[in-house]
Structures are given as C-alpha cells and as structure tokens.
Amino acid sequence: MRASALAAVATLALATASVGLAGAAFAQPGAEAHEIPQSLAVEHAETLDRLTELSKHPGEVGATARKALDLFRGHQAREQEYILPPLTLLPVLADGRVTPDMAWAVTMADRVKADRELIFAEHTKVTDIANALLDAGRRAHDPEAIEFAKAAVTDSLNDIELLEPTALLVGEYVRARLPATQ
C-alpha cells in the first residue's frame, strides 16, 4: 500500500509541476530557493485561481476579490520564501535524521521568529479582507464568495496555529541536532 501511496504522490507532483506548481520558493535574488510541501503548493495555486475567478464577479464581490488578490499573492510569496520550506523536512525529521545540509531551515525559522509580528499583522489583513469578501458575498447572495471567504479565514488561522509554529519547531529541532560548529 505504501508503494501505491507514493505513486499517487509522485503522480500529483508531476501533474502540479507540469502546470508550474512545483513548489519552488519565490526567494530573494541571491538567496537559495527551497521547495515547499507539494500539498501547500497546490493549495496556494487553488486559492489564487478561486480568487481570480471571484475577481471577475460583478460589483462589490469582484472589487473586493481584486483587492484581496494582491494581499494573498504577497502573503503566499512570504510563505514560499521562508515560512513553509522548513516543513519539507518533516518526513525525514520524523525518522530521526538530521544532516548538516539542513542548516538552511534554522536560518528560515529564525527569520519566521523575527518576523512574527509582521506575519501576524499580515494574517490580520488577510482575515479583514476575507471578512469584507464574506460580507460582500452575503449582500450579493454569492455562495462562491461566501465559501471562499470562510475557507480563507480558516486557512489563515491554520497558518497561525499550526504551520508557522511547526516551522519554528523544525528550526529548533535541526539546531539542537546539528553539531555545535553549525
């Protein structure tokens, strides 16, 4: 069964890579790019696709979705640059393996820690624009906008409660298990 599960994951990876979703980070020039977990790369693409479609809706829903697009793109770029890449190490770390070439995750986790207030403020803006989209969707009787807005708030909360703390834990675990010279 494990082989079939891995085959399914490989198929998903190939399918998403073929449409440009290989999960590569949008790193700063000169910075080493690292992938993000494939499931999150797919989720990011789906979020932007749905928001792009909502931006084509008439009236307040479309206008609010267009405002949200820039915010979501910026937030996702930050996540892909340094918040989510450490999570790719989780399967290897769960097996108890840490190698010196994982030190990049410590640097990224330190940046997440340093930017926590900025990241939280960004999540507040994401929640605010999602709530505005929810209100607009309700006034327009637009179930797609309502559904998307609720999911966006839940996703933002998931980032704050689970993904960002996990990135910090990955960094601390790698730091603790690396030789002292690192």
C-alpha atoms as a PDB file:
ATOM      1  CA  MET A   1       0.000   0.000   0.000  1.00  0.00           C
ATOM      2  CA  ARG A   2       2.881   2.374   0.734  1.00  0.00           C
ATOM      3  CA  ALA A   3       4.143   1.950  -2.844  1.00  0.00           C
ATOM      4  CA  SER A   4       0.749   2.882  -4.279  1.00  0.00           C
ATOM      5  CA  ALA A   5       0.528   5.908  -1.972  1.00  0.00           C
ATOM      6  CA  LEU A   6       3.986   7.026  -3.088  1.00  0.00           C
ATOM      7  CA  ALA A   7       2.979   6.517  -6.708  1.00  0.00           C
ATOM      8  CA  ALA A   8      -0.083   8.692  -6.161  1.00  0.00           C
ATOM      9  CA  VAL A   9       2.063  11.412  -4.598  1.00  0.00           C
ATOM     10  CA  ALA A  10       4.535  11.182  -7.470  1.00  0.00           C
ATOM     11  CA  THR A  11       1.684  11.487  -9.947  1.00  0.00           C
ATOM     12  CA  LEU A  12       0.391  14.558  -8.122  1.00  0.00           C
ATOM     13  CA  ALA A  13       3.886  16.049  -8.046  1.00  0.00           C
ATOM     14  CA  LEU A  14       4.311  15.503 -11.772  1.00  0.00           C
ATOM     15  CA  ALA A  15       0.858  16.884 -12.520  1.00  0.00           C
ATOM     16  CA  THR A  16       1.409  20.011 -10.472  1.00  0.00           C
ATOM     17  CA  ALA A  17       4.911  20.505 -11.833  1.00  0.00           C
ATOM     18  CA  SER A  18       3.553  20.347 -15.363  1.00  0.00           C
ATOM     19  CA  VAL A  19       1.337  23.337 -14.640  1.00  0.00           C
ATOM     20  CA  GLY A  20       4.086  25.287 -12.934  1.00  0.00           C
ATOM     21  CA  LEU A  21       3.339  24.384  -9.326  1.00  0.00           C
ATOM     22  CA  ALA A  22       6.485  22.516  -8.415  1.00  0.00           C
ATOM     23  CA  GLY A  23       6.539  24.383  -5.132  1.00  0.00           C
ATOM     24  CA  ALA A  24       9.704  26.355  -5.631  1.00  0.00           C
ATOM     25  CA  ALA A  25      10.044  29.280  -3.301  1.00  0.00           C
ATOM     26  CA  PHE A  26       9.984  32.808  -4.582  1.00  0.00           C
ATOM     27  CA  ALA A  27      13.285  33.690  -2.932  1.00  0.00           C
ATOM     28  CA  GLN A  28      15.134  36.973  -2.919  1.00  0.00           C
ATOM     29  CA  PRO A  29      17.828  37.320  -5.597  1.00  0.00           C
ATOM     30  CA  GLY A  30      20.951  35.550  -4.410  1.00  0.00           C
ATOM     31  CA  ALA A  31      19.083  33.507  -1.817  1.00  0.00           C
ATOM     32  CA  GLU A  32      18.887  29.753  -2.174  1.00  0.00           C
ATOM     33  CA  ALA A  33      15.365  28.671  -3.127  1.00  0.00           C
ATOM     34  CA  HIS A  34      13.764  25.738  -1.364  1.00  0.00           C
ATOM     35  CA  GLU A  35      10.596  23.887  -2.220  1.00  0.00           C
ATOM     36  CA  ILE A  36       7.502  23.925  -0.073  1.00  0.00           C
ATOM     37  CA  PRO A  37       5.357  20.885   0.672  1.00  0.00           C
ATOM     38  CA  GLN A  38       3.535  19.862  -2.500  1.00  0.00           C
ATOM     39  CA  SER A  39       0.120  19.909  -0.814  1.00  0.00           C
ATOM     40  CA  LEU A  40       0.638  23.541   0.144  1.00  0.00           C
ATOM     41  CA  ALA A  41       1.855  24.477  -3.336  1.00  0.00           C
ATOM     42  CA  VAL A  42      -1.357  23.019  -4.778  1.00  0.00           C
ATOM     43  CA  GLU A  43      -3.445  24.777  -2.120  1.00  0.00           C
ATOM     44  CA  HIS A  44      -1.785  28.119  -2.907  1.00  0.00           C
ATOM     45  CA  ALA A  45      -2.475  27.735  -6.612  1.00  0.00           C
ATOM     46  CA  GLU A  46      -6.099  26.780  -5.979  1.00  0.00           C
ATOM     47  CA  THR A  47      -6.555  29.765  -3.677  1.00  0.00           C
ATOM     48  CA  LEU A  48      -5.242  32.193  -6.292  1.00  0.00           C
ATOM     49  CA  ASP A  49      -7.313  30.522  -9.028  1.00  0.00           C
ATOM     50  CA  ARG A  50     -10.507  30.808  -6.981  1.00  0.00           C
ATOM     51  CA  LEU A  51      -9.757  34.385  -6.002  1.00  0.00           C
ATOM     52  CA  THR A  52      -9.009  35.279  -9.631  1.00  0.00           C
ATOM     53  CA  GLU A  53     -12.393  33.854 -10.627  1.00  0.00           C
ATOM     54  CA  LEU A  54     -14.099  35.819  -7.848  1.00  0.00           C
ATOM     55  CA  SER A  55     -12.380  38.977  -9.064  1.00  0.00           C
ATOM     56  CA  LYS A  56     -14.401  38.617 -12.280  1.00  0.00           C
ATOM     57  CA  HIS A  57     -17.708  38.698 -10.387  1.00  0.00           C
ATOM     58  CA  PRO A  58     -19.698  41.897 -10.734  1.00  0.00           C
ATOM     59  CA  GLY A  59     -19.966  44.637  -8.150  1.00  0.00           C
ATOM     60  CA  GLU A  60     -18.574  44.621  -4.654  1.00  0.00           C
ATOM     61  CA  VAL A  61     -17.605  40.935  -4.707  1.00  0.00           C
ATOM     62  CA  GLY A  62     -15.340  41.401  -7.724  1.00  0.00           C
ATOM     63  CA  ALA A  63     -13.873  44.644  -6.406  1.00  0.00           C
ATOM     64  CA  THR A  64     -13.099  43.132  -3.007  1.00  0.00           C
ATOM     65  CA  ALA A  65     -11.618  39.995  -4.597  1.00  0.00           C
ATOM     66  CA  ARG A  66      -9.346  42.159  -6.764  1.00  0.00           C
ATOM     67  CA  LYS A  67      -8.074  43.933  -3.634  1.00  0.00           C
ATOM     68  CA  ALA A  68      -7.568  40.578  -1.958  1.00  0.00           C
ATOM     69  CA  LEU A  69      -5.505  39.160  -4.824  1.00  0.00           C
ATOM     70  CA  ASP A  70      -2.508  41.423  -4.225  1.00  0.00           C
ATOM     71  CA  LEU A  71      -2.602  40.760  -0.497  1.00  0.00           C
ATOM     72  CA  PHE A  72      -2.850  36.984  -0.979  1.00  0.00           C
ATOM     73  CA  ARG A  73      -0.043  36.974  -3.565  1.00  0.00           C
ATOM     74  CA  GLY A  74       2.246  38.880  -1.228  1.00  0.00           C
ATOM     75  CA  HIS A  75       1.425  36.659   1.716  1.00  0.00           C
ATOM     76  CA  GLN A  76       1.943  33.485  -0.293  1.00  0.00           C
ATOM     77  CA  ALA A  77       5.275  34.780  -1.584  1.00  0.00           C
ATOM     78  CA  ARG A  78       6.442  35.290   2.023  1.00  0.00           C
ATOM     79  CA  GLU A  79       5.256  31.800   2.967  1.00  0.00           C
ATOM     80  CA  GLN A  80       7.009  30.257  -0.017  1.00  0.00           C
ATOM     81  CA  GLU A  81      10.206  32.188   0.609  1.00  0.00           C
ATOM     82  CA  TYR A  82      10.881  31.203   4.209  1.00  0.00           C
ATOM     83  CA  ILE A  83       7.884  30.070   6.267  1.00  0.00           C
ATOM     84  CA  LEU A  84       6.911  26.831   4.521  1.00  0.00           C
ATOM     85  CA  PRO A  85      10.184  25.380   3.152  1.00  0.00           C
ATOM     86  CA  PRO A  86      11.286  24.013   6.567  1.00  0.00           C
ATOM     87  CA  LEU A  87       8.136  21.882   6.586  1.00  0.00           C
ATOM     88  CA  THR A  88       9.538  19.809   3.722  1.00  0.00           C
ATOM     89  CA  LEU A  89      11.956  18.310   6.256  1.00  0.00           C
ATOM     90  CA  LEU A  90       9.219  16.860   8.472  1.00  0.00           C
ATOM     91  CA  PRO A  91       9.185  13.326   6.979  1.00  0.00           C
ATOM     92  CA  VAL A  92      12.963  12.998   7.361  1.00  0.00           C
ATOM     93  CA  LEU A  93      12.942  14.540  10.848  1.00  0.00           C
ATOM     94  CA  ALA A  94      10.164  12.154  11.881  1.00  0.00           C
ATOM     95  CA  ASP A  95      12.598   9.348  11.055  1.00  0.00           C
ATOM     96  CA  GLY A  96      15.111  10.978  13.402  1.00  0.00           C
ATOM     97  CA  ARG A  97      17.558  12.035  10.713  1.00  0.00           C
ATOM     98  CA  VAL A  98      19.273  15.430  10.717  1.00  0.00           C
ATOM     99  CA  THR A  99      22.153  16.289   8.415  1.00  0.00           C
ATOM    100  CA  PRO A 100      24.331  19.400   8.121  1.00  0.00           C
ATOM    101  CA  ASP A 101      22.737  20.296   4.781  1.00  0.00           C
ATOM    102  CA  MET A 102      19.510  21.047   6.676  1.00  0.00           C
ATOM    103  CA  ALA A 103      21.012  24.117   8.381  1.00  0.00           C
ATOM    104  CA  TRP A 104      19.101  26.361   5.966  1.00  0.00           C
ATOM    105  CA  ALA A 105      15.934  25.502   7.915  1.00  0.00           C
ATOM    106  CA  VAL A 106      17.414  27.062  11.054  1.00  0.00           C
ATOM    107  CA  THR A 107      18.017  30.327   9.207  1.00  0.00           C
ATOM    108  CA  MET A 108      14.464  30.339   7.830  1.00  0.00           C
ATOM    109  CA  ALA A 109      12.937  29.505  11.207  1.00  0.00           C
ATOM    110  CA  ASP A 110      14.940  32.314  12.806  1.00  0.00           C
ATOM    111  CA  ARG A 111      13.505  34.676  10.219  1.00  0.00           C
ATOM    112  CA  VAL A 112       9.967  33.446  10.947  1.00  0.00           C
ATOM    113  CA  LYS A 113      10.614  34.103  14.629  1.00  0.00           C
ATOM    114  CA  ALA A 114      11.992  37.582  13.940  1.00  0.00           C
ATOM    115  CA  ASP A 115       9.052  38.433  11.664  1.00  0.00           C
ATOM    116  CA  ARG A 116       6.255  37.010  13.838  1.00  0.00           C
ATOM    117  CA  GLU A 117       4.623  40.404  14.452  1.00  0.00           C
ATOM    118  CA  LEU A 118       4.785  41.281  10.749  1.00  0.00           C
ATOM    119  CA  ILE A 119       3.396  37.872   9.789  1.00  0.00           C
ATOM    120  CA  PHE A 120       0.596  38.181  12.356  1.00  0.00           C
ATOM    121  CA  ALA A 121      -0.277  41.658  11.027  1.00  0.00           C
ATOM    122  CA  GLU A 122      -0.395  40.185   7.530  1.00  0.00           C
ATOM    123  CA  HIS A 123      -2.769  37.458   8.725  1.00  0.00           C
ATOM    124  CA  THR A 124      -4.942  40.146  10.299  1.00  0.00           C
ATOM    125  CA  LYS A 125      -5.154  41.876   6.910  1.00  0.00           C
ATOM    126  CA  VAL A 126      -5.971  38.551   5.214  1.00  0.00           C
ATOM    127  CA  THR A 127      -8.749  37.953   7.747  1.00  0.00           C
ATOM    128  CA  ASP A 128     -10.056  41.508   7.328  1.00  0.00           C
ATOM    129  CA  ILE A 129     -10.236  41.252   3.531  1.00  0.00           C
ATOM    130  CA  ALA A 130     -11.791  37.773   3.772  1.00  0.00           C
ATOM    131  CA  ASN A 131     -14.437  39.157   6.133  1.00  0.00           C
ATOM    132  CA  ALA A 132     -15.080  42.017   3.695  1.00  0.00           C
ATOM    133  CA  LEU A 133     -15.477  39.444   0.913  1.00  0.00           C
ATOM    134  CA  LEU A 134     -17.820  37.418   3.121  1.00  0.00           C
ATOM    135  CA  ASP A 135     -19.968  40.495   3.750  1.00  0.00           C
ATOM    136  CA  ALA A 136     -19.968  41.400   0.058  1.00  0.00           C
ATOM    137  CA  GLY A 137     -20.839  37.808  -0.841  1.00  0.00           C
ATOM    138  CA  ARG A 138     -23.751  37.789   1.578  1.00  0.00           C
ATOM    139  CA  ARG A 139     -25.108  41.081   0.247  1.00  0.00           C
ATOM    140  CA  ALA A 140     -24.781  39.799  -3.327  1.00  0.00           C
ATOM    141  CA  HIS A 141     -26.126  36.337  -2.470  1.00  0.00           C
ATOM    142  CA  ASP A 142     -22.904  34.906  -3.929  1.00  0.00           C
ATOM    143  CA  PRO A 143     -22.286  31.429  -2.440  1.00  0.00           C
ATOM    144  CA  GLU A 144     -18.851  31.112  -4.084  1.00  0.00           C
ATOM    145  CA  ALA A 145     -17.625  34.280  -2.399  1.00  0.00           C
ATOM    146  CA  ILE A 146     -19.081  33.215   0.935  1.00  0.00           C
ATOM    147  CA  GLU A 147     -17.479  29.766   0.749  1.00  0.00           C
ATOM    148  CA  PHE A 148     -14.096  31.133  -0.304  1.00  0.00           C
ATOM    149  CA  ALA A 149     -14.073  33.789   2.422  1.00  0.00           C
ATOM    150  CA  LYS A 150     -14.848  31.288   5.165  1.00  0.00           C
ATOM    151  CA  ALA A 151     -12.130  28.946   3.894  1.00  0.00           C
ATOM    152  CA  ALA A 152      -9.614  31.804   3.694  1.00  0.00           C
ATOM    153  CA  VAL A 153     -10.161  32.724   7.339  1.00  0.00           C
ATOM    154  CA  THR A 154      -9.796  29.080   8.365  1.00  0.00           C
ATOM    155  CA  ASP A 155      -6.601  28.764   6.311  1.00  0.00           C
ATOM    156  CA  SER A 156      -5.164  31.894   7.889  1.00  0.00           C
ATOM    157  CA  LEU A 157      -5.928  30.532  11.346  1.00  0.00           C
ATOM    158  CA  ASN A 158      -4.297  27.214  10.392  1.00  0.00           C
ATOM    159  CA  ASP A 159      -1.164  29.109   9.381  1.00  0.00           C
ATOM    160  CA  ILE A 160      -1.013  30.923  12.732  1.00  0.00           C
ATOM    161  CA  GLU A 161      -1.881  27.926  14.901  1.00  0.00           C
ATOM    162  CA  LEU A 162      -0.042  25.125  13.092  1.00  0.00           C
ATOM    163  CA  LEU A 163       2.182  25.897  10.117  1.00  0.00           C
ATOM    164  CA  GLU A 164       4.219  28.798  11.460  1.00  0.00           C
ATOM    165  CA  PRO A 165       4.820  27.204  14.899  1.00  0.00           C
ATOM    166  CA  THR A 166       5.797  23.971  13.139  1.00  0.00           C
ATOM    167  CA  ALA A 167       8.333  25.846  11.031  1.00  0.00           C
ATOM    168  CA  LEU A 168       9.798  27.241  14.270  1.00  0.00           C
ATOM    169  CA  LEU A 169       9.916  23.760  15.808  1.00  0.00           C
ATOM    170  CA  VAL A 170      11.656  22.348  12.742  1.00  0.00           C
ATOM    171  CA  GLY A 171      14.317  25.041  13.029  1.00  0.00           C
ATOM    172  CA  GLU A 172      14.829  24.437  16.735  1.00  0.00           C
ATOM    173  CA  TYR A 173      14.963  20.653  16.262  1.00  0.00           C
ATOM    174  CA  VAL A 174      17.512  20.914  13.471  1.00  0.00           C
ATOM    175  CA  ARG A 175      19.567  23.420  15.512  1.00  0.00           C
ATOM    176  CA  ALA A 176      19.567  21.096  18.531  1.00  0.00           C
ATOM    177  CA  ARG A 177      20.600  18.055  16.499  1.00  0.00           C
ATOM    178  CA  LEU A 178      23.318  19.687  14.384  1.00  0.00           C
ATOM    179  CA  PRO A 179      26.918  19.585  15.559  1.00  0.00           C
ATOM    180  CA  ALA A 180      27.885  22.610  17.698  1.00  0.00           C
ATOM    181  CA  THR A 181      30.035  24.032  14.882  1.00  0.00           C
ATOM    182  CA  GLN A 182      26.963  24.782  12.761  1.00  0.00           C
END
